[in-house]
Structures are given as structure tokens and as C-alpha cells.
Amino acid sequence: ACVGVADNISDAKRLVEQCKPDLMILDLRLKGGDALDFIKTLRVEHPEVKVLVLSQYDELIFAERALRAGASGYIMKENATDEVLRAVRKVLAGELYFSDRVASALVQRTLREKPDNSRAGVERLSDREMQVFQLLGASYSPREIAEQFHLSRKTIETHCEKIKHKLSLHNAAELKQFARRWAVENMTPSQPWVTSGSHNGRGKK
């Protein structure tokens, strides 16, 4: 058996090549890149590797994105000690595994599904657009977001334009207001979900 630990995506890729693991337990906040893109890459280049996501977020939108990227399971950090062995067994057996709260939320959403234009619009955002949108909701400016991701301000402004179009918003003020309201209603943790190139991922005070 080969067991390894990595604190950034580059090292994680190297470990996968060296160890050829059956399973990877992946923190969405892994440094050095976008964890969701890494999951997508693993699905293509190493389809035999199962991915179990470890996250501090129980919102459905994060679990759904991880699963769409190719993860086989999603568990909460706060319950990891109790759940990880059960989750590992399920995932290695070829089954999907969700933390209890996420599974319950999925069932509740299915039972009371209602049209929701704002949620539908947000779910159409790409992974990078979602990250930009969340930082806008945490009161970051386009310049500050650009610094977080080591991108140009122009690139972030282009993402903002695409977000406005997908959410049917008309200007930057509407986008900022919508993002802040969405963050209040949907983000349980105090920190925005930032996985790619962020210095610390913390929301502004």
C-alpha cells in the first residue's frame, strides 16, 4: 500500500503518479490551483482513482459541483472522524457517499423543488465565475479579486460581465447587491469558498 499527503495540487498530482492510489481524500481548499479542475483532470487522466471530498461547506451547490467534477463522495470536516471510514468503504465499493446533512438537503430539495430564477442563474455560473461571485458577496472589489487569483483586473471584469448576463443583471451595483444578498442567504460559513490561487481565502471584515 502507498499512502501520501500533499498540501498543494502540484504535490498531489505527483503523488497520484507515484502511488497510483485507489482513493484520494481531497480538501476543496487545497492550495496551488482549483480543486474542482483537479478533480476533473483526475477523472480524465486517472479514472481509476476515486475522489472523496472533505469540506467545511454543507451547501448543496458545493457538493453538486464537486460531484459533477467527478468526485464520488462529499463529507463534512466537522464529522470527518466519525464518517471517513464509512465513506471510504462506500466509495471504494463504487457507491456515492454524502454527509448526512448534505444527503438530507438533497432529499428535501427534491421533495419541495420550486422554480427559483436566482438559484437557477447562479447554478449556471462556471466554477471560476462562482468563485468571483462569492468574493463579490464578501465585499471584495474586482481589483482585490484579481489579486486573490493572480489575474488581471480586466479578466475579472470580463467574468463579472458574464455573471451579470447569466443572472439578468444590468450593472455592477445590481451585481454587488445580488451577490451580497445571495451570500447572506446561502453561505453558512463566514468565509467565502475560494480554492484557486487564494492567499488565505478569508472574507473581508
N, C-alpha and C. Protein backbone atom coordinates (compact mmCIF):
# COMPACT_ATOMS: atom_id res chain seq x y z
N ALA A 1 0.84 -1.19 0.00
CA ALA A 1 0.00 0.00 0.00
C ALA A 1 0.88 1.24 0.00
N CYS A 2 0.39 2.27 -0.67
CA CYS A 2 1.12 3.54 -0.73
C CYS A 2 0.22 4.64 -0.21
N VAL A 3 0.68 5.33 0.81
CA VAL A 3 -0.10 6.41 1.41
C VAL A 3 0.73 7.69 1.36
N GLY A 4 0.11 8.78 0.94
CA GLY A 4 0.84 10.04 0.87
C GLY A 4 -0.04 11.20 1.26
N VAL A 5 0.60 12.31 1.62
CA VAL A 5 -0.11 13.52 2.00
C VAL A 5 0.48 14.69 1.21
N ALA A 6 -0.38 15.56 0.69
CA ALA A 6 0.07 16.73 -0.06
C ALA A 6 -0.72 17.94 0.39
N ASP A 7 -0.06 19.10 0.44
CA ASP A 7 -0.78 20.31 0.84
C ASP A 7 -1.00 21.26 -0.32
N ASN A 8 -0.67 20.81 -1.54
CA ASN A 8 -0.96 21.63 -2.73
C ASN A 8 -1.22 20.71 -3.92
N ILE A 9 -1.82 21.26 -4.95
CA ILE A 9 -2.24 20.45 -6.09
C ILE A 9 -1.06 19.86 -6.85
N SER A 10 0.02 20.61 -6.96
CA SER A 10 1.20 20.10 -7.67
C SER A 10 1.74 18.84 -7.01
N ASP A 11 1.86 18.87 -5.68
CA ASP A 11 2.34 17.68 -4.96
C ASP A 11 1.34 16.54 -5.04
N ALA A 12 0.05 16.89 -5.03
CA ALA A 12 -0.99 15.86 -5.12
C ALA A 12 -0.91 15.13 -6.46
N LYS A 13 -0.68 15.89 -7.53
CA LYS A 13 -0.54 15.26 -8.85
C LYS A 13 0.65 14.32 -8.88
N ARG A 14 1.75 14.76 -8.27
CA ARG A 14 2.95 13.94 -8.24
C ARG A 14 2.71 12.64 -7.45
N LEU A 15 1.99 12.76 -6.35
CA LEU A 15 1.69 11.57 -5.55
C LEU A 15 0.82 10.58 -6.31
N VAL A 16 -0.14 11.09 -7.06
CA VAL A 16 -1.00 10.21 -7.84
C VAL A 16 -0.17 9.43 -8.85
N GLU A 17 0.77 10.12 -9.50
CA GLU A 17 1.63 9.45 -10.48
C GLU A 17 2.51 8.39 -9.82
N GLN A 18 3.01 8.71 -8.64
CA GLN A 18 3.93 7.79 -7.97
C GLN A 18 3.22 6.62 -7.29
N CYS A 19 2.12 6.92 -6.62
CA CYS A 19 1.46 5.92 -5.78
C CYS A 19 0.36 5.13 -6.47
N LYS A 20 -0.22 5.72 -7.53
CA LYS A 20 -1.36 5.08 -8.19
C LYS A 20 -2.41 4.64 -7.16
N PRO A 21 -2.92 5.58 -6.36
CA PRO A 21 -3.84 5.22 -5.27
C PRO A 21 -5.22 4.78 -5.77
N ASP A 22 -5.90 4.03 -4.95
CA ASP A 22 -7.29 3.67 -5.24
C ASP A 22 -8.22 4.82 -4.87
N LEU A 23 -7.81 5.60 -3.88
CA LEU A 23 -8.68 6.65 -3.34
C LEU A 23 -7.86 7.88 -2.96
N MET A 24 -8.44 9.04 -3.22
CA MET A 24 -7.85 10.30 -2.75
C MET A 24 -8.89 11.04 -1.93
N ILE A 25 -8.51 11.47 -0.72
CA ILE A 25 -9.36 12.34 0.10
C ILE A 25 -8.88 13.76 -0.14
N LEU A 26 -9.74 14.59 -0.70
CA LEU A 26 -9.34 15.90 -1.19
C LEU A 26 -10.08 17.03 -0.49
N ASP A 27 -9.32 17.98 0.03
CA ASP A 27 -9.89 19.19 0.63
C ASP A 27 -10.11 20.20 -0.49
N LEU A 28 -11.32 20.76 -0.59
CA LEU A 28 -11.61 21.73 -1.64
C LEU A 28 -10.72 22.96 -1.55
N ARG A 29 -10.14 23.21 -0.38
CA ARG A 29 -9.30 24.38 -0.20
C ARG A 29 -7.81 24.06 -0.43
N LEU A 30 -7.53 22.97 -1.10
CA LEU A 30 -6.15 22.60 -1.40
C LEU A 30 -5.46 23.74 -2.15
N LYS A 31 -4.25 24.06 -1.74
CA LYS A 31 -3.54 25.22 -2.29
C LYS A 31 -2.99 24.94 -3.69
N GLY A 32 -2.69 26.04 -4.37
CA GLY A 32 -1.95 25.94 -5.62
C GLY A 32 -2.77 25.72 -6.87
N GLY A 33 -4.06 25.95 -6.82
CA GLY A 33 -4.88 25.77 -8.00
C GLY A 33 -6.33 25.57 -7.64
N ASP A 34 -7.11 25.15 -8.62
CA ASP A 34 -8.55 24.94 -8.44
C ASP A 34 -8.81 23.46 -8.18
N ALA A 35 -9.31 23.14 -7.01
CA ALA A 35 -9.53 21.74 -6.64
C ALA A 35 -10.54 21.06 -7.56
N LEU A 36 -11.55 21.79 -8.01
CA LEU A 36 -12.54 21.19 -8.90
C LEU A 36 -11.92 20.85 -10.25
N ASP A 37 -11.07 21.72 -10.75
CA ASP A 37 -10.38 21.42 -12.00
C ASP A 37 -9.47 20.20 -11.83
N PHE A 38 -8.86 20.09 -10.66
CA PHE A 38 -8.00 18.94 -10.37
C PHE A 38 -8.81 17.65 -10.39
N ILE A 39 -10.02 17.69 -9.81
CA ILE A 39 -10.89 16.51 -9.83
C ILE A 39 -11.23 16.13 -11.27
N LYS A 40 -11.55 17.13 -12.09
CA LYS A 40 -11.87 16.87 -13.50
C LYS A 40 -10.68 16.23 -14.22
N THR A 41 -9.49 16.74 -13.93
CA THR A 41 -8.28 16.19 -14.55
C THR A 41 -8.07 14.74 -14.13
N LEU A 42 -8.26 14.46 -12.84
CA LEU A 42 -8.12 13.08 -12.36
C LEU A 42 -9.11 12.15 -13.05
N ARG A 43 -10.32 12.62 -13.25
CA ARG A 43 -11.33 11.77 -13.88
C ARG A 43 -10.92 11.36 -15.29
N VAL A 44 -10.23 12.28 -15.99
CA VAL A 44 -9.79 12.00 -17.36
C VAL A 44 -8.49 11.20 -17.39
N GLU A 45 -7.50 11.64 -16.60
CA GLU A 45 -6.17 11.03 -16.66
C GLU A 45 -6.01 9.79 -15.77
N HIS A 46 -6.78 9.75 -14.69
CA HIS A 46 -6.68 8.61 -13.76
C HIS A 46 -8.09 8.21 -13.31
N PRO A 47 -8.90 7.70 -14.24
CA PRO A 47 -10.29 7.37 -13.90
C PRO A 47 -10.43 6.30 -12.82
N GLU A 48 -9.35 5.55 -12.59
CA GLU A 48 -9.40 4.50 -11.57
C GLU A 48 -9.31 5.07 -10.15
N VAL A 49 -8.90 6.33 -10.02
CA VAL A 49 -8.75 6.94 -8.69
C VAL A 49 -10.09 7.52 -8.23
N LYS A 50 -10.61 7.02 -7.13
CA LYS A 50 -11.83 7.56 -6.55
C LYS A 50 -11.49 8.80 -5.73
N VAL A 51 -12.37 9.79 -5.76
CA VAL A 51 -12.13 11.03 -5.02
C VAL A 51 -13.23 11.24 -3.99
N LEU A 52 -12.82 11.36 -2.73
CA LEU A 52 -13.73 11.68 -1.64
C LEU A 52 -13.40 13.10 -1.18
N VAL A 53 -14.36 14.00 -1.30
CA VAL A 53 -14.12 15.41 -0.96
C VAL A 53 -14.39 15.65 0.52
N LEU A 54 -13.47 16.34 1.15
CA LEU A 54 -13.59 16.75 2.54
C LEU A 54 -13.79 18.26 2.54
N SER A 55 -14.89 18.74 3.12
CA SER A 55 -15.21 20.16 3.01
C SER A 55 -15.80 20.71 4.29
N GLN A 56 -15.65 22.02 4.48
CA GLN A 56 -16.29 22.69 5.61
C GLN A 56 -17.66 23.23 5.22
N TYR A 57 -18.04 23.05 3.97
CA TYR A 57 -19.28 23.62 3.47
C TYR A 57 -20.34 22.54 3.24
N ASP A 58 -21.55 22.78 3.76
CA ASP A 58 -22.62 21.80 3.56
C ASP A 58 -23.65 22.27 2.55
N GLU A 59 -23.44 23.44 1.92
CA GLU A 59 -24.39 23.93 0.94
C GLU A 59 -24.42 22.98 -0.27
N LEU A 60 -25.61 22.75 -0.80
CA LEU A 60 -25.77 21.82 -1.91
C LEU A 60 -24.95 22.21 -3.12
N ILE A 61 -24.85 23.51 -3.37
CA ILE A 61 -24.21 23.94 -4.61
C ILE A 61 -22.76 23.49 -4.66
N PHE A 62 -22.09 23.42 -3.50
CA PHE A 62 -20.70 22.99 -3.47
C PHE A 62 -20.60 21.48 -3.66
N ALA A 63 -21.47 20.74 -3.00
CA ALA A 63 -21.48 19.29 -3.15
C ALA A 63 -21.80 18.90 -4.59
N GLU A 64 -22.77 19.57 -5.18
CA GLU A 64 -23.17 19.26 -6.55
C GLU A 64 -22.03 19.51 -7.53
N ARG A 65 -21.32 20.62 -7.34
CA ARG A 65 -20.21 20.94 -8.24
C ARG A 65 -19.08 19.92 -8.10
N ALA A 66 -18.81 19.50 -6.89
CA ALA A 66 -17.77 18.50 -6.68
C ALA A 66 -18.15 17.18 -7.34
N LEU A 67 -19.40 16.78 -7.19
CA LEU A 67 -19.85 15.53 -7.78
C LEU A 67 -19.87 15.61 -9.30
N ARG A 68 -20.29 16.75 -9.84
CA ARG A 68 -20.27 16.92 -11.29
C ARG A 68 -18.84 16.88 -11.83
N ALA A 69 -17.90 17.36 -11.03
CA ALA A 69 -16.49 17.35 -11.45
C ALA A 69 -15.94 15.93 -11.50
N GLY A 70 -16.57 15.01 -10.76
CA GLY A 70 -16.13 13.63 -10.79
C GLY A 70 -15.88 12.99 -9.43
N ALA A 71 -16.15 13.72 -8.35
CA ALA A 71 -15.97 13.15 -7.01
C ALA A 71 -17.02 12.07 -6.76
N SER A 72 -16.67 11.12 -5.91
CA SER A 72 -17.60 10.03 -5.58
C SER A 72 -18.22 10.19 -4.20
N GLY A 73 -17.73 11.16 -3.44
CA GLY A 73 -18.27 11.36 -2.10
C GLY A 73 -17.98 12.76 -1.60
N TYR A 74 -18.74 13.16 -0.58
CA TYR A 74 -18.63 14.52 -0.04
C TYR A 74 -18.97 14.45 1.44
N ILE A 75 -17.97 14.71 2.29
CA ILE A 75 -18.21 14.67 3.73
C ILE A 75 -17.75 15.97 4.37
N MET A 76 -18.32 16.25 5.54
CA MET A 76 -18.01 17.48 6.26
C MET A 76 -16.82 17.28 7.18
N LYS A 77 -15.96 18.31 7.25
CA LYS A 77 -14.79 18.22 8.12
C LYS A 77 -15.19 17.98 9.58
N GLU A 78 -16.26 18.63 10.01
CA GLU A 78 -16.64 18.53 11.42
C GLU A 78 -17.07 17.13 11.80
N ASN A 79 -17.48 16.33 10.80
CA ASN A 79 -17.90 14.96 11.07
C ASN A 79 -16.91 13.93 10.53
N ALA A 80 -15.75 14.40 10.08
CA ALA A 80 -14.82 13.51 9.38
C ALA A 80 -14.39 12.32 10.22
N THR A 81 -14.13 12.55 11.50
CA THR A 81 -13.66 11.46 12.37
C THR A 81 -14.67 10.31 12.41
N ASP A 82 -15.95 10.67 12.48
CA ASP A 82 -16.99 9.65 12.58
C ASP A 82 -17.34 9.03 11.22
N GLU A 83 -17.19 9.81 10.17
CA GLU A 83 -17.70 9.38 8.87
C GLU A 83 -16.66 8.85 7.89
N VAL A 84 -15.41 9.22 8.07
CA VAL A 84 -14.46 8.98 7.00
C VAL A 84 -14.29 7.49 6.66
N LEU A 85 -14.24 6.62 7.65
CA LEU A 85 -14.08 5.19 7.35
C LEU A 85 -15.28 4.64 6.60
N ARG A 86 -16.46 5.03 7.04
CA ARG A 86 -17.68 4.58 6.35
C ARG A 86 -17.71 5.11 4.92
N ALA A 87 -17.33 6.38 4.76
CA ALA A 87 -17.32 6.99 3.43
C ALA A 87 -16.30 6.31 2.52
N VAL A 88 -15.12 6.03 3.05
CA VAL A 88 -14.08 5.37 2.26
C VAL A 88 -14.55 4.00 1.77
N ARG A 89 -15.17 3.24 2.66
CA ARG A 89 -15.65 1.90 2.27
C ARG A 89 -16.69 2.00 1.15
N LYS A 90 -17.62 2.94 1.30
CA LYS A 90 -18.68 3.10 0.30
C LYS A 90 -18.10 3.50 -1.05
N VAL A 91 -17.21 4.49 -1.03
CA VAL A 91 -16.64 4.99 -2.28
C VAL A 91 -15.80 3.92 -2.97
N LEU A 92 -14.99 3.19 -2.21
CA LEU A 92 -14.18 2.13 -2.80
C LEU A 92 -15.04 0.99 -3.35
N ALA A 93 -16.25 0.87 -2.81
CA ALA A 93 -17.17 -0.16 -3.30
C ALA A 93 -17.94 0.31 -4.54
N GLY A 94 -17.62 1.53 -5.00
CA GLY A 94 -18.26 2.04 -6.20
C GLY A 94 -19.55 2.79 -5.96
N GLU A 95 -19.83 3.11 -4.70
CA GLU A 95 -21.05 3.84 -4.36
C GLU A 95 -20.74 5.32 -4.13
N LEU A 96 -21.79 6.15 -4.19
CA LEU A 96 -21.66 7.55 -3.83
C LEU A 96 -21.91 7.70 -2.33
N TYR A 97 -21.25 8.67 -1.71
CA TYR A 97 -21.46 8.89 -0.28
C TYR A 97 -21.57 10.38 0.00
N PHE A 98 -22.61 10.75 0.78
CA PHE A 98 -22.81 12.14 1.20
C PHE A 98 -22.84 12.21 2.72
N SER A 99 -22.36 13.31 3.26
CA SER A 99 -22.58 13.58 4.69
C SER A 99 -24.08 13.62 4.94
N ASP A 100 -24.48 13.30 6.16
CA ASP A 100 -25.90 13.24 6.48
C ASP A 100 -26.63 14.54 6.15
N ARG A 101 -26.03 15.68 6.48
CA ARG A 101 -26.70 16.95 6.24
C ARG A 101 -26.87 17.23 4.76
N VAL A 102 -25.85 16.90 3.98
CA VAL A 102 -25.94 17.10 2.53
C VAL A 102 -26.98 16.17 1.93
N ALA A 103 -26.97 14.90 2.36
CA ALA A 103 -27.95 13.94 1.85
C ALA A 103 -29.36 14.38 2.20
N SER A 104 -29.55 14.86 3.43
CA SER A 104 -30.87 15.32 3.85
C SER A 104 -31.31 16.52 3.03
N ALA A 105 -30.38 17.44 2.78
CA ALA A 105 -30.71 18.62 1.99
C ALA A 105 -31.09 18.25 0.56
N LEU A 106 -30.40 17.25 0.00
CA LEU A 106 -30.73 16.79 -1.35
C LEU A 106 -32.15 16.23 -1.40
N VAL A 107 -32.50 15.44 -0.40
CA VAL A 107 -33.85 14.87 -0.35
C VAL A 107 -34.89 15.97 -0.20
N GLN A 108 -34.66 16.90 0.73
CA GLN A 108 -35.61 17.99 0.95
C GLN A 108 -35.79 18.82 -0.31
N ARG A 109 -34.70 19.09 -0.99
CA ARG A 109 -34.80 19.89 -2.21
C ARG A 109 -35.61 19.16 -3.27
N THR A 110 -35.40 17.85 -3.39
CA THR A 110 -36.16 17.07 -4.37
C THR A 110 -37.65 17.08 -4.05
N LEU A 111 -37.98 16.99 -2.76
CA LEU A 111 -39.38 16.93 -2.35
C LEU A 111 -40.12 18.25 -2.53
N ARG A 112 -39.40 19.37 -2.38
CA ARG A 112 -40.08 20.66 -2.45
C ARG A 112 -39.49 21.57 -3.51
N GLU A 113 -39.04 20.94 -4.59
CA GLU A 113 -38.42 21.72 -5.67
C GLU A 113 -39.39 22.77 -6.19
N LYS A 114 -38.93 24.00 -6.23
CA LYS A 114 -39.74 25.11 -6.74
C LYS A 114 -38.91 25.87 -7.76
N PRO A 115 -39.58 26.52 -8.72
CA PRO A 115 -38.83 27.38 -9.64
C PRO A 115 -38.18 28.50 -8.85
N ASP A 116 -36.92 28.73 -9.11
CA ASP A 116 -36.19 29.81 -8.43
C ASP A 116 -35.20 30.37 -9.43
N ASN A 117 -35.56 31.48 -10.04
CA ASN A 117 -34.74 32.04 -11.10
C ASN A 117 -33.35 32.43 -10.62
N SER A 118 -33.27 32.96 -9.39
CA SER A 118 -31.97 33.39 -8.90
C SER A 118 -31.05 32.19 -8.69
N ARG A 119 -31.58 31.11 -8.08
CA ARG A 119 -30.76 29.91 -7.86
C ARG A 119 -30.38 29.30 -9.20
N ALA A 120 -31.34 29.24 -10.13
CA ALA A 120 -31.04 28.66 -11.43
C ALA A 120 -29.94 29.44 -12.12
N GLY A 121 -29.99 30.77 -12.00
CA GLY A 121 -28.95 31.60 -12.62
C GLY A 121 -27.60 31.35 -12.01
N VAL A 122 -27.55 31.26 -10.69
CA VAL A 122 -26.28 31.02 -10.00
C VAL A 122 -25.72 29.66 -10.38
N GLU A 123 -26.57 28.67 -10.53
CA GLU A 123 -26.09 27.33 -10.87
C GLU A 123 -25.55 27.25 -12.29
N ARG A 124 -25.87 28.24 -13.12
CA ARG A 124 -25.32 28.27 -14.48
C ARG A 124 -23.91 28.85 -14.52
N LEU A 125 -23.46 29.44 -13.43
CA LEU A 125 -22.12 30.03 -13.40
C LEU A 125 -21.05 28.95 -13.48
N SER A 126 -19.97 29.27 -14.18
CA SER A 126 -18.82 28.35 -14.21
C SER A 126 -18.16 28.34 -12.83
N ASP A 127 -17.24 27.43 -12.63
CA ASP A 127 -16.56 27.36 -11.33
C ASP A 127 -15.83 28.66 -11.01
N ARG A 128 -15.10 29.21 -11.98
CA ARG A 128 -14.39 30.47 -11.74
C ARG A 128 -15.37 31.61 -11.52
N GLU A 129 -16.45 31.67 -12.30
CA GLU A 129 -17.45 32.72 -12.11
C GLU A 129 -18.07 32.62 -10.72
N MET A 130 -18.28 31.39 -10.25
CA MET A 130 -18.85 31.20 -8.92
C MET A 130 -17.90 31.73 -7.86
N GLN A 131 -16.62 31.50 -8.03
CA GLN A 131 -15.64 31.99 -7.07
C GLN A 131 -15.62 33.52 -7.04
N VAL A 132 -15.66 34.13 -8.23
CA VAL A 132 -15.70 35.59 -8.32
C VAL A 132 -16.97 36.12 -7.67
N PHE A 133 -18.09 35.47 -7.96
CA PHE A 133 -19.39 35.87 -7.43
C PHE A 133 -19.39 35.84 -5.90
N GLN A 134 -18.80 34.79 -5.33
CA GLN A 134 -18.77 34.68 -3.87
C GLN A 134 -17.90 35.76 -3.24
N LEU A 135 -16.79 36.09 -3.88
CA LEU A 135 -15.94 37.15 -3.33
C LEU A 135 -16.62 38.51 -3.46
N LEU A 136 -17.39 38.71 -4.51
CA LEU A 136 -18.19 39.93 -4.60
C LEU A 136 -19.17 39.99 -3.44
N GLY A 137 -19.76 38.83 -3.11
CA GLY A 137 -20.68 38.77 -1.98
C GLY A 137 -20.00 39.01 -0.65
N ALA A 138 -18.69 38.76 -0.60
CA ALA A 138 -17.91 39.01 0.61
C ALA A 138 -17.29 40.41 0.60
N SER A 139 -17.78 41.27 -0.31
CA SER A 139 -17.38 42.68 -0.40
C SER A 139 -15.99 42.91 -0.96
N TYR A 140 -15.48 41.97 -1.73
CA TYR A 140 -14.22 42.20 -2.43
C TYR A 140 -14.49 43.03 -3.69
N SER A 141 -13.56 43.88 -4.05
CA SER A 141 -13.64 44.65 -5.29
C SER A 141 -13.02 43.83 -6.42
N PRO A 142 -13.31 44.16 -7.69
CA PRO A 142 -12.67 43.44 -8.80
C PRO A 142 -11.14 43.45 -8.70
N ARG A 143 -10.56 44.57 -8.26
CA ARG A 143 -9.11 44.65 -8.13
C ARG A 143 -8.61 43.64 -7.08
N GLU A 144 -9.31 43.57 -5.95
CA GLU A 144 -8.91 42.65 -4.88
C GLU A 144 -9.09 41.19 -5.30
N ILE A 145 -10.15 40.93 -6.07
CA ILE A 145 -10.37 39.57 -6.56
C ILE A 145 -9.25 39.18 -7.52
N ALA A 146 -8.86 40.13 -8.38
CA ALA A 146 -7.76 39.88 -9.32
C ALA A 146 -6.49 39.51 -8.56
N GLU A 147 -6.24 40.20 -7.46
CA GLU A 147 -5.05 39.91 -6.65
C GLU A 147 -5.14 38.52 -6.03
N GLN A 148 -6.34 38.13 -5.59
CA GLN A 148 -6.53 36.81 -4.98
C GLN A 148 -6.15 35.70 -5.96
N PHE A 149 -6.54 35.87 -7.23
CA PHE A 149 -6.34 34.81 -8.22
C PHE A 149 -5.13 35.03 -9.11
N HIS A 150 -4.37 36.11 -8.84
CA HIS A 150 -3.20 36.43 -9.66
C HIS A 150 -3.59 36.58 -11.13
N LEU A 151 -4.71 37.26 -11.36
CA LEU A 151 -5.19 37.54 -12.70
C LEU A 151 -5.26 39.04 -12.90
N SER A 152 -5.46 39.46 -14.15
CA SER A 152 -5.60 40.89 -14.41
C SER A 152 -6.99 41.36 -14.00
N ARG A 153 -7.09 42.63 -13.69
CA ARG A 153 -8.40 43.19 -13.36
C ARG A 153 -9.35 43.06 -14.55
N LYS A 154 -8.82 43.20 -15.76
CA LYS A 154 -9.64 43.08 -16.96
C LYS A 154 -10.28 41.69 -17.04
N THR A 155 -9.52 40.67 -16.69
CA THR A 155 -10.06 39.31 -16.71
C THR A 155 -11.21 39.16 -15.72
N ILE A 156 -11.05 39.72 -14.53
CA ILE A 156 -12.11 39.65 -13.53
C ILE A 156 -13.33 40.43 -13.98
N GLU A 157 -13.11 41.58 -14.60
CA GLU A 157 -14.24 42.37 -15.10
C GLU A 157 -14.99 41.62 -16.20
N THR A 158 -14.25 40.85 -17.00
CA THR A 158 -14.90 40.02 -18.02
C THR A 158 -15.77 38.95 -17.36
N HIS A 159 -15.25 38.33 -16.30
CA HIS A 159 -16.06 37.36 -15.55
C HIS A 159 -17.32 38.03 -15.00
N CYS A 160 -17.17 39.24 -14.48
CA CYS A 160 -18.32 39.96 -13.92
C CYS A 160 -19.38 40.22 -14.99
N GLU A 161 -18.94 40.55 -16.19
CA GLU A 161 -19.89 40.78 -17.29
C GLU A 161 -20.66 39.50 -17.61
N LYS A 162 -19.96 38.38 -17.62
CA LYS A 162 -20.62 37.10 -17.90
C LYS A 162 -21.60 36.74 -16.79
N ILE A 163 -21.21 37.03 -15.55
CA ILE A 163 -22.09 36.75 -14.41
C ILE A 163 -23.36 37.59 -14.51
N LYS A 164 -23.19 38.88 -14.82
CA LYS A 164 -24.36 39.76 -14.96
C LYS A 164 -25.30 39.24 -16.03
N HIS A 165 -24.75 38.79 -17.14
CA HIS A 165 -25.58 38.28 -18.23
C HIS A 165 -26.36 37.04 -17.78
N LYS A 166 -25.68 36.11 -17.12
CA LYS A 166 -26.33 34.88 -16.69
C LYS A 166 -27.39 35.12 -15.62
N LEU A 167 -27.21 36.18 -14.82
CA LEU A 167 -28.15 36.48 -13.74
C LEU A 167 -29.16 37.54 -14.14
N SER A 168 -29.09 37.99 -15.40
CA SER A 168 -30.01 39.01 -15.92
C SER A 168 -29.93 40.30 -15.11
N LEU A 169 -28.72 40.70 -14.76
CA LEU A 169 -28.49 41.94 -14.02
C LEU A 169 -27.96 42.99 -14.99
N HIS A 170 -28.21 44.26 -14.66
CA HIS A 170 -27.94 45.32 -15.63
C HIS A 170 -26.65 46.10 -15.39
N ASN A 171 -26.16 46.14 -14.17
CA ASN A 171 -24.97 46.94 -13.89
C ASN A 171 -24.22 46.37 -12.68
N ALA A 172 -23.06 46.98 -12.42
CA ALA A 172 -22.20 46.50 -11.33
C ALA A 172 -22.86 46.62 -9.97
N ALA A 173 -23.64 47.69 -9.78
CA ALA A 173 -24.31 47.90 -8.50
C ALA A 173 -25.32 46.78 -8.22
N GLU A 174 -26.09 46.40 -9.24
CA GLU A 174 -27.05 45.31 -9.09
C GLU A 174 -26.33 43.99 -8.79
N LEU A 175 -25.21 43.78 -9.47
CA LEU A 175 -24.45 42.55 -9.25
C LEU A 175 -23.93 42.48 -7.81
N LYS A 176 -23.38 43.58 -7.33
CA LYS A 176 -22.84 43.61 -5.97
C LYS A 176 -23.95 43.36 -4.95
N GLN A 177 -25.10 44.01 -5.16
CA GLN A 177 -26.22 43.85 -4.23
C GLN A 177 -26.74 42.41 -4.24
N PHE A 178 -26.86 41.86 -5.45
CA PHE A 178 -27.35 40.48 -5.58
C PHE A 178 -26.38 39.50 -4.93
N ALA A 179 -25.08 39.70 -5.16
CA ALA A 179 -24.07 38.79 -4.60
C ALA A 179 -24.07 38.83 -3.08
N ARG A 180 -24.21 40.03 -2.52
CA ARG A 180 -24.23 40.14 -1.05
C ARG A 180 -25.47 39.48 -0.47
N ARG A 181 -26.61 39.68 -1.13
CA ARG A 181 -27.84 39.07 -0.64
C ARG A 181 -27.75 37.54 -0.73
N TRP A 182 -27.21 37.05 -1.84
CA TRP A 182 -27.07 35.60 -2.01
C TRP A 182 -26.15 35.04 -0.95
N ALA A 183 -25.07 35.74 -0.65
CA ALA A 183 -24.11 35.27 0.36
C ALA A 183 -24.78 35.17 1.73
N VAL A 184 -25.58 36.17 2.08
CA VAL A 184 -26.27 36.17 3.37
C VAL A 184 -27.25 35.00 3.46
N GLU A 185 -27.95 34.72 2.35
CA GLU A 185 -28.99 33.69 2.36
C GLU A 185 -28.45 32.28 2.20
N ASN A 186 -27.28 32.14 1.58
CA ASN A 186 -26.81 30.81 1.22
C ASN A 186 -25.49 30.38 1.82
N MET A 187 -24.68 31.31 2.29
CA MET A 187 -23.36 30.96 2.81
C MET A 187 -23.41 30.85 4.32
N THR A 188 -23.43 29.63 4.82
CA THR A 188 -23.41 29.43 6.27
C THR A 188 -22.07 29.81 6.89
N PRO A 189 -20.94 29.36 6.31
CA PRO A 189 -19.65 29.74 6.89
C PRO A 189 -19.38 31.22 6.69
N SER A 190 -18.51 31.77 7.49
CA SER A 190 -18.16 33.18 7.38
C SER A 190 -17.15 33.43 6.28
N GLN A 191 -16.53 32.36 5.79
CA GLN A 191 -15.52 32.52 4.76
C GLN A 191 -16.10 32.15 3.41
N PRO A 192 -15.76 32.92 2.36
CA PRO A 192 -16.20 32.54 1.02
C PRO A 192 -15.45 31.32 0.54
N TRP A 193 -16.04 30.60 -0.40
CA TRP A 193 -15.42 29.39 -0.93
C TRP A 193 -14.45 29.79 -2.02
N VAL A 194 -13.16 29.84 -1.69
CA VAL A 194 -12.13 30.22 -2.65
C VAL A 194 -11.09 29.13 -2.64
N THR A 195 -10.87 28.49 -3.79
CA THR A 195 -9.94 27.38 -3.82
C THR A 195 -8.77 27.62 -4.75
N SER A 196 -8.86 28.61 -5.60
CA SER A 196 -7.85 28.75 -6.64
C SER A 196 -6.97 29.96 -6.45
N GLY A 197 -5.72 29.73 -6.12
CA GLY A 197 -4.75 30.80 -6.07
C GLY A 197 -5.00 31.81 -5.00
N SER A 198 -5.84 31.52 -4.02
CA SER A 198 -6.13 32.48 -2.96
C SER A 198 -5.02 32.48 -1.93
N HIS A 199 -4.72 33.68 -1.40
CA HIS A 199 -3.70 33.76 -0.37
C HIS A 199 -4.18 33.11 0.92
N ASN A 200 -5.43 33.42 1.32
CA ASN A 200 -5.92 32.86 2.58
C ASN A 200 -7.39 32.51 2.54
N GLY A 201 -8.11 32.92 1.48
CA GLY A 201 -9.50 32.54 1.33
C GLY A 201 -10.43 33.17 2.32
N ARG A 202 -9.99 34.17 3.09
CA ARG A 202 -10.84 34.74 4.12
C ARG A 202 -11.65 35.89 3.57
N GLY A 203 -12.89 35.99 4.05
CA GLY A 203 -13.72 37.11 3.66
C GLY A 203 -13.25 38.37 4.34
N LYS A 204 -13.61 39.51 3.77
CA LYS A 204 -13.23 40.78 4.37
C LYS A 204 -14.11 41.07 5.56
N LYS A 205 -13.56 41.73 6.54
CA LYS A 205 -14.32 42.09 7.73
C LYS A 205 -15.00 43.42 7.51
